Amino acid sequence: MNQITVRELMMIEDELRAEQITGKTLNWCASQCQDAAIRSMLEQMAEQHQLRVGELSRYFNRTNRVQ
């Protein structure tokens, strides 16, 4: 992979924040849900977003690909 610019890194960080917010929102929605099946589905979706954030964060923390 080629090095990325500071601007590109900022855009990636914005996307990571959006993933975090989405995960937190889905968890909140699940906590408000009375239907167990829907609550479980929302919790699984939230977990997927949180795992994605973790994977991307670990990747960018261990690489020095910024110009």
Protein backbone atom coordinates (compact mmCIF):
# COMPACT_ATOMS: atom_id res chain seq x y z
CA MET A 1 0.00 0.00 0.00
CA ASN A 2 1.28 3.48 -0.82
CA GLN A 3 1.51 6.14 1.81
CA ILE A 4 -1.59 8.19 2.43
CA THR A 5 -1.79 11.91 2.87
CA VAL A 6 -2.79 13.70 6.05
CA ARG A 7 -6.06 14.69 4.37
CA GLU A 8 -6.85 11.06 3.53
CA LEU A 9 -6.04 10.04 7.10
CA MET A 10 -8.43 12.71 8.39
CA MET A 11 -11.17 11.33 6.15
CA ILE A 12 -10.53 7.82 7.48
CA GLU A 13 -10.70 9.12 11.06
CA ASP A 14 -14.04 10.76 10.24
CA GLU A 15 -15.34 7.42 8.98
CA LEU A 16 -14.09 5.68 12.12
CA ARG A 17 -15.98 8.20 14.26
CA ALA A 18 -19.10 7.58 12.17
CA GLU A 19 -18.74 3.82 12.75
CA GLN A 20 -18.39 4.45 16.51
CA ILE A 21 -21.48 6.64 16.57
CA THR A 22 -23.45 4.08 14.58
CA GLY A 23 -22.47 1.31 16.98
CA LYS A 24 -23.45 3.39 20.01
CA THR A 25 -26.74 4.39 18.40
CA LEU A 26 -27.59 0.78 17.59
CA ASN A 27 -26.81 -0.24 21.19
CA TRP A 28 -29.06 2.53 22.48
CA CYS A 29 -31.85 1.44 20.11
CA ALA A 30 -31.44 -2.15 21.30
CA SER A 31 -31.74 -1.03 24.92
CA GLN A 32 -35.05 0.67 24.09
CA CYS A 33 -36.45 -2.28 22.16
CA GLN A 34 -39.08 -4.56 23.71
CA ASP A 35 -38.89 -7.29 21.05
CA ALA A 36 -36.11 -9.74 21.92
CA ALA A 37 -35.43 -10.75 18.30
CA ILE A 38 -35.07 -7.17 17.12
CA ARG A 39 -33.00 -6.27 20.18
CA SER A 40 -30.63 -9.16 19.44
CA MET A 41 -30.34 -8.13 15.78
CA LEU A 42 -29.54 -4.52 16.76
CA GLU A 43 -26.92 -5.69 19.26
CA GLN A 44 -25.26 -7.87 16.61
CA MET A 45 -25.19 -4.95 14.18
CA ALA A 46 -23.65 -2.71 16.86
CA GLU A 47 -21.00 -5.33 17.58
CA GLN A 48 -20.09 -5.54 13.88
CA HIS A 49 -19.54 -1.77 13.78
CA GLN A 50 -17.46 -1.86 16.95
CA LEU A 51 -15.31 -4.72 15.64
CA ARG A 52 -14.75 -2.84 12.39
CA VAL A 53 -13.59 0.22 14.32
CA GLY A 54 -11.18 -1.92 16.31
CA GLU A 55 -9.74 -3.63 13.25
CA LEU A 56 -9.21 -0.39 11.36
CA SER A 57 -7.76 1.37 14.39
CA ARG A 58 -5.27 -1.43 15.00
CA TYR A 59 -4.24 -1.40 11.34
CA PHE A 60 -3.58 2.33 11.24
CA ASN A 61 -1.91 2.38 14.66
CA ARG A 62 0.68 -0.20 13.62
CA THR A 63 1.49 1.30 10.23
CA ASN A 64 3.25 4.55 9.46
CA ARG A 65 1.81 5.28 6.06
CA VAL A 66 1.22 9.02 6.34
CA GLN A 67 3.11 11.42 4.08
